Amino acid sequence: MTANAIVLCPGQGAQASGMGAAWHAASPEAARVFAAADAAIDLSRVGGTLSSICFGGAAETVNRTDVSQPALYACAVASLEAMKASGVIGAIDCCAGLSLGEYTALHIAGAFSFEDGVRLVALRGQFMQEAAEASRGGMVALIGADEAKAQQVCDTASQGEVLVCANFNAPGQIVLSGHAAACDRALEAAATVGCRATRLQVAGAFHSPLMEPAALRMATALDAVAFSPLSMDVWSNVTAAPHLRNDPVTLRKLLVQQIVSPVRWSQSMAALGASLQGCPVRPSFHELAPGSVLKGLMRRIDKSIEVTSHDKPDTPA
């Protein structure tokens, strides 16, 4: 028996200048994906096409929320199409994606076309960028915290402002999100529960109530796109469980909720690993381009799962 694949799709933070260039050069399938992205969305306001920004854009441009989200989506899909064409990845059992990556996973499962997906994530990035600029927010990473300790930091440091758990990345790695002043207080409060805290260089308070304006606008954008039944399980960041395969109403609601809710990646991957116990042939795990963030997180979530990252076509790791 040949093992099928489980595909993991990166989220914001994995982007880097030059991403996808090697896949574009090596594979006509990948090149077609980037050409479709260039035709679907207009990034001339930031100085180029999506592909030109991915391959050679300045770091400050690539890191913009309204640029990085469609860029990450296109890069991941391009790498997958190239690997499918070359036989590196065959049948796919299920998909999961970190935050923005959930849209990539949903496209792979057939929820919507590539073009509809890249337009959706471009709008999502734009709405989140504008919500971030309209509110003075930030994010803080806690190292060594469980959910109870992280919530204790939030309760201590919020002082009437927004401060919430935003990302459960891996055991001992939780990100807080909220008003900038509350984030400042969290840096000090973390020490009282025995944790280390680091401010993240992000545009705003993502996955917090400060993103509510973006969520409301995203609801309208999602309503305008036709959703097809999912061909495989896709794990929800909100529920840490697979989406219902033929319930587009609930799926849209969860994608809206995802913008203001914590990303439960650690819980999702732990549950996915547990669901594979007893499988006679264990699926292989593949992280799409760019980067290897999800491989690193999996080492902390479930050491029995080995993830192969595919940042470039010739350097799986």
C-alpha atoms as a PDB file:
ATOM      1  CA  MET A   1       0.000   0.000   0.000  1.00  0.00           C
ATOM      2  CA  THR A   2       1.204   3.515  -0.826  1.00  0.00           C
ATOM      3  CA  ALA A   3       0.707   6.168   1.811  1.00  0.00           C
ATOM      4  CA  ASN A   4      -1.533   9.053   0.875  1.00  0.00           C
ATOM      5  CA  ALA A   5      -0.612  12.626   1.778  1.00  0.00           C
ATOM      6  CA  ILE A   6      -1.764  15.122   4.349  1.00  0.00           C
ATOM      7  CA  VAL A   7      -1.080  18.678   3.187  1.00  0.00           C
ATOM      8  CA  LEU A   8      -0.309  21.578   5.523  1.00  0.00           C
ATOM      9  CA  CYS A   9      -0.640  25.138   4.220  1.00  0.00           C
ATOM     10  CA  PRO A  10       1.417  27.999   5.717  1.00  0.00           C
ATOM     11  CA  GLY A  11      -0.013  31.227   7.073  1.00  0.00           C
ATOM     12  CA  GLN A  12       1.179  34.771   7.473  1.00  0.00           C
ATOM     13  CA  GLY A  13       4.699  34.910   8.881  1.00  0.00           C
ATOM     14  CA  ALA A  14       6.094  32.347   6.433  1.00  0.00           C
ATOM     15  CA  GLN A  15       6.487  34.904   3.638  1.00  0.00           C
ATOM     16  CA  ALA A  16       9.923  35.974   2.380  1.00  0.00           C
ATOM     17  CA  SER A  17      11.225  37.886  -0.592  1.00  0.00           C
ATOM     18  CA  GLY A  18      12.019  35.438  -3.381  1.00  0.00           C
ATOM     19  CA  MET A  19       9.335  32.946  -2.368  1.00  0.00           C
ATOM     20  CA  GLY A  20       8.024  30.777  -5.160  1.00  0.00           C
ATOM     21  CA  ALA A  21      10.681  31.850  -7.663  1.00  0.00           C
ATOM     22  CA  ALA A  22      12.352  28.429  -7.776  1.00  0.00           C
ATOM     23  CA  TRP A  23       9.012  26.676  -8.213  1.00  0.00           C
ATOM     24  CA  HIS A  24       8.077  29.095 -11.013  1.00  0.00           C
ATOM     25  CA  ALA A  25      11.365  28.446 -12.809  1.00  0.00           C
ATOM     26  CA  ALA A  26      11.223  24.676 -12.399  1.00  0.00           C
ATOM     27  CA  SER A  27       7.605  23.895 -13.206  1.00  0.00           C
ATOM     28  CA  PRO A  28       5.203  24.994 -15.960  1.00  0.00           C
ATOM     29  CA  GLU A  29       2.326  24.039 -13.643  1.00  0.00           C
ATOM     30  CA  ALA A  30       3.617  26.419 -10.975  1.00  0.00           C
ATOM     31  CA  ALA A  31       4.183  29.125 -13.579  1.00  0.00           C
ATOM     32  CA  ARG A  32       0.565  28.816 -14.691  1.00  0.00           C
ATOM     33  CA  VAL A  33      -0.624  29.302 -11.107  1.00  0.00           C
ATOM     34  CA  PHE A  34       1.345  32.528 -10.742  1.00  0.00           C
ATOM     35  CA  ALA A  35       0.093  33.758 -14.129  1.00  0.00           C
ATOM     36  CA  ALA A  36      -3.496  33.113 -13.011  1.00  0.00           C
ATOM     37  CA  ALA A  37      -2.870  35.039  -9.787  1.00  0.00           C
ATOM     38  CA  ASP A  38      -1.406  37.984 -11.699  1.00  0.00           C
ATOM     39  CA  ALA A  39      -4.491  38.069 -13.914  1.00  0.00           C
ATOM     40  CA  ALA A  40      -6.941  37.774 -11.012  1.00  0.00           C
ATOM     41  CA  ILE A  41      -5.756  40.567  -8.704  1.00  0.00           C
ATOM     42  CA  ASP A  42      -4.202  43.985  -9.196  1.00  0.00           C
ATOM     43  CA  LEU A  43      -1.254  44.885  -6.947  1.00  0.00           C
ATOM     44  CA  SER A  44      -0.061  47.845  -9.018  1.00  0.00           C
ATOM     45  CA  ARG A  45      -0.730  50.104  -6.016  1.00  0.00           C
ATOM     46  CA  VAL A  46       2.281  48.497  -4.313  1.00  0.00           C
ATOM     47  CA  GLY A  47       4.488  48.487  -7.375  1.00  0.00           C
ATOM     48  CA  GLY A  48       4.058  45.293  -9.346  1.00  0.00           C
ATOM     49  CA  THR A  49       2.280  42.051 -10.079  1.00  0.00           C
ATOM     50  CA  LEU A  50       1.866  39.391  -7.427  1.00  0.00           C
ATOM     51  CA  SER A  51       4.555  37.222  -9.030  1.00  0.00           C
ATOM     52  CA  SER A  52       7.066  40.063  -9.369  1.00  0.00           C
ATOM     53  CA  ILE A  53       6.563  41.004  -5.714  1.00  0.00           C
ATOM     54  CA  CYS A  54       6.945  37.368  -4.599  1.00  0.00           C
ATOM     55  CA  PHE A  55      10.111  36.818  -6.631  1.00  0.00           C
ATOM     56  CA  GLY A  56      11.890  40.120  -6.077  1.00  0.00           C
ATOM     57  CA  GLY A  57       9.852  42.513  -3.971  1.00  0.00           C
ATOM     58  CA  ALA A  58      11.322  44.428  -1.067  1.00  0.00           C
ATOM     59  CA  ALA A  59      10.782  42.819   2.330  1.00  0.00           C
ATOM     60  CA  GLU A  60       8.590  45.684   3.523  1.00  0.00           C
ATOM     61  CA  THR A  61       6.270  45.122   0.543  1.00  0.00           C
ATOM     62  CA  VAL A  62       6.178  41.331   0.858  1.00  0.00           C
ATOM     63  CA  ASN A  63       5.395  41.672   4.581  1.00  0.00           C
ATOM     64  CA  ARG A  64       2.358  43.912   4.083  1.00  0.00           C
ATOM     65  CA  THR A  65      -0.744  42.043   5.225  1.00  0.00           C
ATOM     66  CA  ASP A  66      -2.633  42.940   2.050  1.00  0.00           C
ATOM     67  CA  VAL A  67       0.230  41.543  -0.076  1.00  0.00           C
ATOM     68  CA  SER A  68       1.499  38.593   1.941  1.00  0.00           C
ATOM     69  CA  GLN A  69      -1.886  36.874   2.149  1.00  0.00           C
ATOM     70  CA  PRO A  70      -2.525  36.445  -1.617  1.00  0.00           C
ATOM     71  CA  ALA A  71       1.200  35.827  -2.134  1.00  0.00           C
ATOM     72  CA  LEU A  72       1.266  32.968   0.369  1.00  0.00           C
ATOM     73  CA  TYR A  73      -1.883  31.451  -1.105  1.00  0.00           C
ATOM     74  CA  ALA A  74      -0.498  31.548  -4.668  1.00  0.00           C
ATOM     75  CA  CYS A  75       2.917  30.243  -3.662  1.00  0.00           C
ATOM     76  CA  ALA A  76       1.447  27.277  -1.771  1.00  0.00           C
ATOM     77  CA  VAL A  77      -0.896  26.302  -4.595  1.00  0.00           C
ATOM     78  CA  ALA A  78       1.911  26.667  -7.164  1.00  0.00           C
ATOM     79  CA  SER A  79       4.157  24.313  -5.192  1.00  0.00           C
ATOM     80  CA  LEU A  80       1.352  21.780  -4.835  1.00  0.00           C
ATOM     81  CA  GLU A  81       0.465  21.801  -8.527  1.00  0.00           C
ATOM     82  CA  ALA A  82       4.132  21.297  -9.397  1.00  0.00           C
ATOM     83  CA  MET A  83       4.479  18.395  -6.966  1.00  0.00           C
ATOM     84  CA  LYS A  84       1.287  16.753  -8.183  1.00  0.00           C
ATOM     85  CA  ALA A  85       2.534  16.961 -11.772  1.00  0.00           C
ATOM     86  CA  SER A  86       5.893  15.406 -10.869  1.00  0.00           C
ATOM     87  CA  GLY A  87       4.425  12.703  -8.652  1.00  0.00           C
ATOM     88  CA  VAL A  88       5.948  13.980  -5.399  1.00  0.00           C
ATOM     89  CA  ILE A  89       2.443  14.160  -3.926  1.00  0.00           C
ATOM     90  CA  GLY A  90      -0.296  11.762  -4.981  1.00  0.00           C
ATOM     91  CA  ALA A  91      -3.696  11.281  -3.413  1.00  0.00           C
ATOM     92  CA  ILE A  92      -4.449  13.712  -0.583  1.00  0.00           C
ATOM     93  CA  ASP A  93      -6.366  12.504   2.479  1.00  0.00           C
ATOM     94  CA  CYS A  94      -6.948  15.849   4.169  1.00  0.00           C
ATOM     95  CA  CYS A  95      -5.676  19.414   4.458  1.00  0.00           C
ATOM     96  CA  ALA A  96      -5.111  21.993   7.144  1.00  0.00           C
ATOM     97  CA  GLY A  97      -3.875  25.563   6.989  1.00  0.00           C
ATOM     98  CA  LEU A  98      -2.714  28.045   9.589  1.00  0.00           C
ATOM     99  CA  SER A  99      -5.014  31.100   9.595  1.00  0.00           C
ATOM    100  CA  LEU A 100      -4.731  32.412   6.005  1.00  0.00           C
ATOM    101  CA  GLY A 101      -3.616  28.902   5.030  1.00  0.00           C
ATOM    102  CA  GLU A 102      -7.107  27.599   5.753  1.00  0.00           C
ATOM    103  CA  TYR A 103      -8.216  29.240   2.485  1.00  0.00           C
ATOM    104  CA  THR A 104      -5.461  27.380   0.635  1.00  0.00           C
ATOM    105  CA  ALA A 105      -6.627  24.132   2.204  1.00  0.00           C
ATOM    106  CA  LEU A 106     -10.233  24.843   1.242  1.00  0.00           C
ATOM    107  CA  HIS A 107      -9.249  25.499  -2.370  1.00  0.00           C
ATOM    108  CA  ILE A 108      -7.334  22.202  -2.463  1.00  0.00           C
ATOM    109  CA  ALA A 109     -10.480  20.471  -1.181  1.00  0.00           C
ATOM    110  CA  GLY A 110     -12.517  22.029  -4.008  1.00  0.00           C
ATOM    111  CA  ALA A 111     -14.476  24.622  -2.040  1.00  0.00           C
ATOM    112  CA  PHE A 112     -13.785  27.333  -4.625  1.00  0.00           C
ATOM    113  CA  SER A 113     -11.670  27.983  -7.710  1.00  0.00           C
ATOM    114  CA  PHE A 114      -8.100  29.200  -7.486  1.00  0.00           C
ATOM    115  CA  GLU A 115      -9.130  32.585  -8.874  1.00  0.00           C
ATOM    116  CA  ASP A 116     -11.992  33.021  -6.400  1.00  0.00           C
ATOM    117  CA  GLY A 117      -9.625  32.025  -3.604  1.00  0.00           C
ATOM    118  CA  VAL A 118      -6.884  34.475  -4.497  1.00  0.00           C
ATOM    119  CA  ARG A 119      -9.436  37.280  -4.768  1.00  0.00           C
ATOM    120  CA  LEU A 120     -10.901  36.332  -1.370  1.00  0.00           C
ATOM    121  CA  VAL A 121      -7.542  36.291   0.399  1.00  0.00           C
ATOM    122  CA  ALA A 122      -6.544  39.569  -1.267  1.00  0.00           C
ATOM    123  CA  LEU A 123      -9.700  41.151   0.165  1.00  0.00           C
ATOM    124  CA  ARG A 124      -9.093  39.486   3.532  1.00  0.00           C
ATOM    125  CA  GLY A 125      -5.590  40.941   3.651  1.00  0.00           C
ATOM    126  CA  GLN A 126      -6.842  44.385   2.610  1.00  0.00           C
ATOM    127  CA  PHE A 127      -9.626  44.379   5.214  1.00  0.00           C
ATOM    128  CA  MET A 128      -7.271  43.222   7.985  1.00  0.00           C
ATOM    129  CA  GLN A 129      -4.615  45.776   6.989  1.00  0.00           C
ATOM    130  CA  GLU A 130      -7.176  48.587   7.096  1.00  0.00           C
ATOM    131  CA  ALA A 131      -8.610  47.389  10.430  1.00  0.00           C
ATOM    132  CA  ALA A 132      -5.075  47.294  11.823  1.00  0.00           C
ATOM    133  CA  GLU A 133      -4.357  50.830  10.645  1.00  0.00           C
ATOM    134  CA  ALA A 134      -7.603  52.059  12.212  1.00  0.00           C
ATOM    135  CA  SER A 135      -6.784  50.611  15.654  1.00  0.00           C
ATOM    136  CA  ARG A 136      -3.603  50.833  17.672  1.00  0.00           C
ATOM    137  CA  GLY A 137      -2.951  47.164  18.315  1.00  0.00           C
ATOM    138  CA  GLY A 138      -0.220  44.576  18.512  1.00  0.00           C
ATOM    139  CA  MET A 139       0.656  40.990  19.378  1.00  0.00           C
ATOM    140  CA  VAL A 140       2.874  39.366  22.011  1.00  0.00           C
ATOM    141  CA  ALA A 141       4.272  35.831  21.952  1.00  0.00           C
ATOM    142  CA  LEU A 142       4.343  33.936  25.242  1.00  0.00           C
ATOM    143  CA  ILE A 143       6.899  31.162  25.602  1.00  0.00           C
ATOM    144  CA  GLY A 144       6.326  28.567  28.310  1.00  0.00           C
ATOM    145  CA  ALA A 145       2.629  29.321  28.827  1.00  0.00           C
ATOM    146  CA  ASP A 146      -0.363  27.017  28.798  1.00  0.00           C
ATOM    147  CA  GLU A 147      -3.842  28.376  28.109  1.00  0.00           C
ATOM    148  CA  ALA A 148      -4.566  29.031  31.798  1.00  0.00           C
ATOM    149  CA  LYS A 149      -1.364  31.044  32.266  1.00  0.00           C
ATOM    150  CA  ALA A 150      -1.953  32.948  29.032  1.00  0.00           C
ATOM    151  CA  GLN A 151      -5.463  33.840  30.153  1.00  0.00           C
ATOM    152  CA  GLN A 152      -4.070  34.977  33.500  1.00  0.00           C
ATOM    153  CA  VAL A 153      -1.720  37.359  31.671  1.00  0.00           C
ATOM    154  CA  CYS A 154      -4.670  38.683  29.645  1.00  0.00           C
ATOM    155  CA  ASP A 155      -6.762  39.215  32.788  1.00  0.00           C
ATOM    156  CA  THR A 156      -3.911  41.047  34.510  1.00  0.00           C
ATOM    157  CA  ALA A 157      -2.773  43.210  31.613  1.00  0.00           C
ATOM    158  CA  SER A 158      -6.013  44.109  29.819  1.00  0.00           C
ATOM    159  CA  GLN A 159      -7.191  46.730  32.347  1.00  0.00           C
ATOM    160  CA  GLY A 160     -10.338  47.467  30.373  1.00  0.00           C
ATOM    161  CA  GLU A 161      -8.679  47.187  26.958  1.00  0.00           C
ATOM    162  CA  VAL A 162      -8.699  44.296  24.507  1.00  0.00           C
ATOM    163  CA  LEU A 163      -6.157  41.542  25.159  1.00  0.00           C
ATOM    164  CA  VAL A 164      -6.967  37.949  24.162  1.00  0.00           C
ATOM    165  CA  CYS A 165      -5.320  34.648  23.272  1.00  0.00           C
ATOM    166  CA  ALA A 166      -4.992  34.766  19.483  1.00  0.00           C
ATOM    167  CA  ASN A 167      -2.811  31.852  18.371  1.00  0.00           C
ATOM    168  CA  PHE A 168      -2.282  28.476  19.987  1.00  0.00           C
ATOM    169  CA  ASN A 169       0.698  27.540  17.832  1.00  0.00           C
ATOM    170  CA  ALA A 170       2.203  24.662  19.815  1.00  0.00           C
ATOM    171  CA  PRO A 171       2.502  23.530  23.429  1.00  0.00           C
ATOM    172  CA  GLY A 172       4.194  26.349  25.313  1.00  0.00           C
ATOM    173  CA  GLN A 173       3.796  28.842  22.452  1.00  0.00           C
ATOM    174  CA  ILE A 174       0.741  31.100  22.644  1.00  0.00           C
ATOM    175  CA  VAL A 175       0.301  34.527  21.049  1.00  0.00           C
ATOM    176  CA  LEU A 176      -1.734  37.321  22.646  1.00  0.00           C
ATOM    177  CA  SER A 177      -3.399  40.087  20.646  1.00  0.00           C
ATOM    178  CA  GLY A 178      -4.992  43.394  21.550  1.00  0.00           C
ATOM    179  CA  HIS A 179      -4.489  47.093  22.190  1.00  0.00           C
ATOM    180  CA  ALA A 180      -0.869  48.249  22.097  1.00  0.00           C
ATOM    181  CA  ALA A 181      -0.860  49.458  25.711  1.00  0.00           C
ATOM    182  CA  ALA A 182      -2.296  46.147  26.910  1.00  0.00           C
ATOM    183  CA  CYS A 183       0.436  44.342  24.972  1.00  0.00           C
ATOM    184  CA  ASP A 184       3.009  46.522  26.759  1.00  0.00           C
ATOM    185  CA  ARG A 185       1.559  45.488  30.113  1.00  0.00           C
ATOM    186  CA  ALA A 186       1.555  41.829  29.025  1.00  0.00           C
ATOM    187  CA  LEU A 187       5.317  41.965  28.524  1.00  0.00           C
ATOM    188  CA  GLU A 188       5.650  42.688  32.252  1.00  0.00           C
ATOM    189  CA  ALA A 189       2.799  40.463  33.442  1.00  0.00           C
ATOM    190  CA  ALA A 190       4.237  37.387  31.726  1.00  0.00           C
ATOM    191  CA  ALA A 191       7.077  37.160  34.220  1.00  0.00           C
ATOM    192  CA  THR A 192       4.599  36.848  37.103  1.00  0.00           C
ATOM    193  CA  VAL A 193       3.387  33.492  35.730  1.00  0.00           C
ATOM    194  CA  GLY A 194       6.860  32.249  34.813  1.00  0.00           C
ATOM    195  CA  CYS A 195       6.749  32.934  31.070  1.00  0.00           C
ATOM    196  CA  ARG A 196       8.884  34.830  28.599  1.00  0.00           C
ATOM    197  CA  ALA A 197       7.196  37.400  26.366  1.00  0.00           C
ATOM    198  CA  THR A 198       8.255  38.969  23.081  1.00  0.00           C
ATOM    199  CA  ARG A 199       6.486  41.636  21.051  1.00  0.00           C
ATOM    200  CA  LEU A 200       5.844  40.551  17.461  1.00  0.00           C
ATOM    201  CA  GLN A 201       6.465  42.814  14.463  1.00  0.00           C
ATOM    202  CA  VAL A 202       2.968  42.765  12.990  1.00  0.00           C
ATOM    203  CA  ALA A 203       0.630  45.377  11.565  1.00  0.00           C
ATOM    204  CA  GLY A 204      -2.069  45.007  14.196  1.00  0.00           C
ATOM    205  CA  ALA A 205      -4.068  42.924  16.655  1.00  0.00           C
ATOM    206  CA  PHE A 206      -4.988  39.992  14.419  1.00  0.00           C
ATOM    207  CA  HIS A 207      -7.460  37.333  15.610  1.00  0.00           C
ATOM    208  CA  SER A 208      -8.871  39.709  18.218  1.00  0.00           C
ATOM    209  CA  PRO A 209     -12.065  41.782  18.533  1.00  0.00           C
ATOM    210  CA  LEU A 210     -10.144  44.717  17.028  1.00  0.00           C
ATOM    211  CA  MET A 211     -10.507  42.904  13.684  1.00  0.00           C
ATOM    212  CA  GLU A 212     -14.326  43.056  13.827  1.00  0.00           C
ATOM    213  CA  PRO A 213     -14.540  45.643  10.987  1.00  0.00           C
ATOM    214  CA  ALA A 214     -12.560  43.267   8.764  1.00  0.00           C
ATOM    215  CA  ALA A 215     -14.785  40.327   9.730  1.00  0.00           C
ATOM    216  CA  LEU A 216     -17.950  42.227   8.808  1.00  0.00           C
ATOM    217  CA  ARG A 217     -16.558  43.152   5.396  1.00  0.00           C
ATOM    218  CA  MET A 218     -15.287  39.604   4.832  1.00  0.00           C
ATOM    219  CA  ALA A 219     -18.777  38.224   5.426  1.00  0.00           C
ATOM    220  CA  THR A 220     -20.016  40.196   2.430  1.00  0.00           C
ATOM    221  CA  ALA A 221     -17.104  39.035   0.266  1.00  0.00           C
ATOM    222  CA  LEU A 222     -17.664  35.386   1.175  1.00  0.00           C
ATOM    223  CA  ASP A 223     -21.377  35.619   0.419  1.00  0.00           C
ATOM    224  CA  ALA A 224     -20.518  36.625  -3.144  1.00  0.00           C
ATOM    225  CA  VAL A 225     -18.586  33.391  -3.852  1.00  0.00           C
ATOM    226  CA  ALA A 226     -20.186  30.042  -4.643  1.00  0.00           C
ATOM    227  CA  PHE A 227     -18.897  27.219  -2.413  1.00  0.00           C
ATOM    228  CA  SER A 228     -18.791  23.600  -3.585  1.00  0.00           C
ATOM    229  CA  PRO A 229     -18.865  20.532  -1.300  1.00  0.00           C
ATOM    230  CA  LEU A 230     -15.462  19.618   0.121  1.00  0.00           C
ATOM    231  CA  SER A 231     -13.802  16.543  -1.380  1.00  0.00           C
ATOM    232  CA  MET A 232     -11.793  15.843   1.786  1.00  0.00           C
ATOM    233  CA  ASP A 233     -11.551  16.894   5.409  1.00  0.00           C
ATOM    234  CA  VAL A 234     -10.257  20.427   6.043  1.00  0.00           C
ATOM    235  CA  TRP A 235      -9.492  21.322   9.648  1.00  0.00           C
ATOM    236  CA  SER A 236     -11.055  24.500  11.017  1.00  0.00           C
ATOM    237  CA  ASN A 237      -8.854  26.933  12.942  1.00  0.00           C
ATOM    238  CA  VAL A 238     -11.858  27.974  15.039  1.00  0.00           C
ATOM    239  CA  THR A 239     -13.181  24.575  16.115  1.00  0.00           C
ATOM    240  CA  ALA A 240     -10.003  22.447  15.842  1.00  0.00           C
ATOM    241  CA  ALA A 241     -12.152  19.873  14.006  1.00  0.00           C
ATOM    242  CA  PRO A 242     -12.879  19.154  10.339  1.00  0.00           C
ATOM    243  CA  HIS A 243     -15.403  21.341   8.559  1.00  0.00           C
ATOM    244  CA  LEU A 244     -18.669  19.718   7.544  1.00  0.00           C
ATOM    245  CA  ARG A 245     -18.162  18.809   3.911  1.00  0.00           C
ATOM    246  CA  ASN A 246     -21.466  20.098   2.536  1.00  0.00           C
ATOM    247  CA  ASP A 247     -22.508  23.018   4.736  1.00  0.00           C
ATOM    248  CA  PRO A 248     -21.415  26.246   3.018  1.00  0.00           C
ATOM    249  CA  VAL A 249     -23.457  28.423   5.381  1.00  0.00           C
ATOM    250  CA  THR A 250     -21.578  27.205   8.450  1.00  0.00           C
ATOM    251  CA  LEU A 251     -18.276  27.245   6.558  1.00  0.00           C
ATOM    252  CA  ARG A 252     -18.693  30.916   5.668  1.00  0.00           C
ATOM    253  CA  LYS A 253     -19.622  31.741   9.275  1.00  0.00           C
ATOM    254  CA  LEU A 254     -16.503  30.004  10.594  1.00  0.00           C
ATOM    255  CA  LEU A 255     -14.272  31.848   8.110  1.00  0.00           C
ATOM    256  CA  VAL A 256     -15.729  35.154   9.319  1.00  0.00           C
ATOM    257  CA  GLN A 257     -15.357  34.082  12.941  1.00  0.00           C
ATOM    258  CA  GLN A 258     -11.755  33.032  12.285  1.00  0.00           C
ATOM    259  CA  ILE A 259     -10.698  36.671  11.797  1.00  0.00           C
ATOM    260  CA  VAL A 260     -11.652  37.598  15.386  1.00  0.00           C
ATOM    261  CA  SER A 261     -11.128  34.206  17.088  1.00  0.00           C
ATOM    262  CA  PRO A 262      -8.042  32.328  18.291  1.00  0.00           C
ATOM    263  CA  VAL A 263      -6.266  30.060  15.823  1.00  0.00           C
ATOM    264  CA  ARG A 264      -6.259  26.612  17.458  1.00  0.00           C
ATOM    265  CA  TRP A 265      -3.464  25.101  15.387  1.00  0.00           C
ATOM    266  CA  SER A 266      -1.908  23.134  18.233  1.00  0.00           C
ATOM    267  CA  GLN A 267      -5.237  21.548  19.136  1.00  0.00           C
ATOM    268  CA  SER A 268      -6.034  20.819  15.469  1.00  0.00           C
ATOM    269  CA  MET A 269      -2.739  19.046  14.819  1.00  0.00           C
ATOM    270  CA  ALA A 270      -2.952  17.080  18.073  1.00  0.00           C
ATOM    271  CA  ALA A 271      -6.450  15.895  17.141  1.00  0.00           C
ATOM    272  CA  LEU A 272      -5.343  15.077  13.596  1.00  0.00           C
ATOM    273  CA  GLY A 273      -2.444  13.015  14.927  1.00  0.00           C
ATOM    274  CA  ALA A 274      -4.734  11.180  17.334  1.00  0.00           C
ATOM    275  CA  SER A 275      -7.138  10.360  14.489  1.00  0.00           C
ATOM    276  CA  LEU A 276      -4.333   8.500  12.684  1.00  0.00           C
ATOM    277  CA  GLN A 277      -3.654   6.100  15.535  1.00  0.00           C
ATOM    278  CA  GLY A 278      -4.066   2.556  14.295  1.00  0.00           C
ATOM    279  CA  CYS A 279      -3.873   3.430  10.591  1.00  0.00           C
ATOM    280  CA  PRO A 280      -2.229   0.456   8.803  1.00  0.00           C
ATOM    281  CA  VAL A 281      -0.407   2.866   6.473  1.00  0.00           C
ATOM    282  CA  ARG A 282       0.274   6.260   7.999  1.00  0.00           C
ATOM    283  CA  PRO A 283      -0.118   9.188   5.579  1.00  0.00           C
ATOM    284  CA  SER A 284       2.925  11.330   4.783  1.00  0.00           C
ATOM    285  CA  PHE A 285       2.808  14.979   5.865  1.00  0.00           C
ATOM    286  CA  HIS A 286       3.828  17.701   3.397  1.00  0.00           C
ATOM    287  CA  GLU A 287       4.167  21.427   4.099  1.00  0.00           C
ATOM    288  CA  LEU A 288       3.625  23.564   1.025  1.00  0.00           C
ATOM    289  CA  ALA A 289       5.866  26.502   0.141  1.00  0.00           C
ATOM    290  CA  PRO A 290       7.086  28.828   1.458  1.00  0.00           C
ATOM    291  CA  GLY A 291       9.225  28.118   4.509  1.00  0.00           C
ATOM    292  CA  SER A 292       9.124  25.407   7.165  1.00  0.00           C
ATOM    293  CA  VAL A 293       7.213  27.061  10.028  1.00  0.00           C
ATOM    294  CA  LEU A 294       4.642  24.286  10.289  1.00  0.00           C
ATOM    295  CA  LYS A 295       7.306  21.569  10.350  1.00  0.00           C
ATOM    296  CA  GLY A 296       8.857  23.314  13.348  1.00  0.00           C
ATOM    297  CA  LEU A 297       5.537  23.618  15.149  1.00  0.00           C
ATOM    298  CA  MET A 298       4.735  19.943  14.549  1.00  0.00           C
ATOM    299  CA  ARG A 299       7.953  18.924  16.291  1.00  0.00           C
ATOM    300  CA  ARG A 300       6.525  20.516  19.427  1.00  0.00           C
ATOM    301  CA  ILE A 301       2.969  19.231  18.942  1.00  0.00           C
ATOM    302  CA  ASP A 302       3.546  15.577  17.993  1.00  0.00           C
ATOM    303  CA  LYS A 303       7.105  14.272  17.662  1.00  0.00           C
ATOM    304  CA  SER A 304       5.842  11.069  16.025  1.00  0.00           C
ATOM    305  CA  ILE A 305       4.797  13.040  12.914  1.00  0.00           C
ATOM    306  CA  GLU A 306       7.538  13.901  10.448  1.00  0.00           C
ATOM    307  CA  VAL A 307       6.666  16.777   8.116  1.00  0.00           C
ATOM    308  CA  THR A 308       8.475  17.294   4.816  1.00  0.00           C
ATOM    309  CA  SER A 309       8.678  20.987   3.880  1.00  0.00           C
ATOM    310  CA  HIS A 310       8.845  22.026   0.234  1.00  0.00           C
ATOM    311  CA  ASP A 311      10.122  25.589   0.232  1.00  0.00           C
ATOM    312  CA  LYS A 312      11.895  24.918  -3.085  1.00  0.00           C
ATOM    313  CA  PRO A 313      11.573  22.059  -5.581  1.00  0.00           C
ATOM    314  CA  ASP A 314      15.083  20.737  -5.062  1.00  0.00           C
ATOM    315  CA  THR A 315      15.366  21.100  -1.285  1.00  0.00           C
ATOM    316  CA  PRO A 316      12.690  19.156   0.594  1.00  0.00           C
ATOM    317  CA  ALA A 317      13.501  19.199   4.327  1.00  0.00           C
END
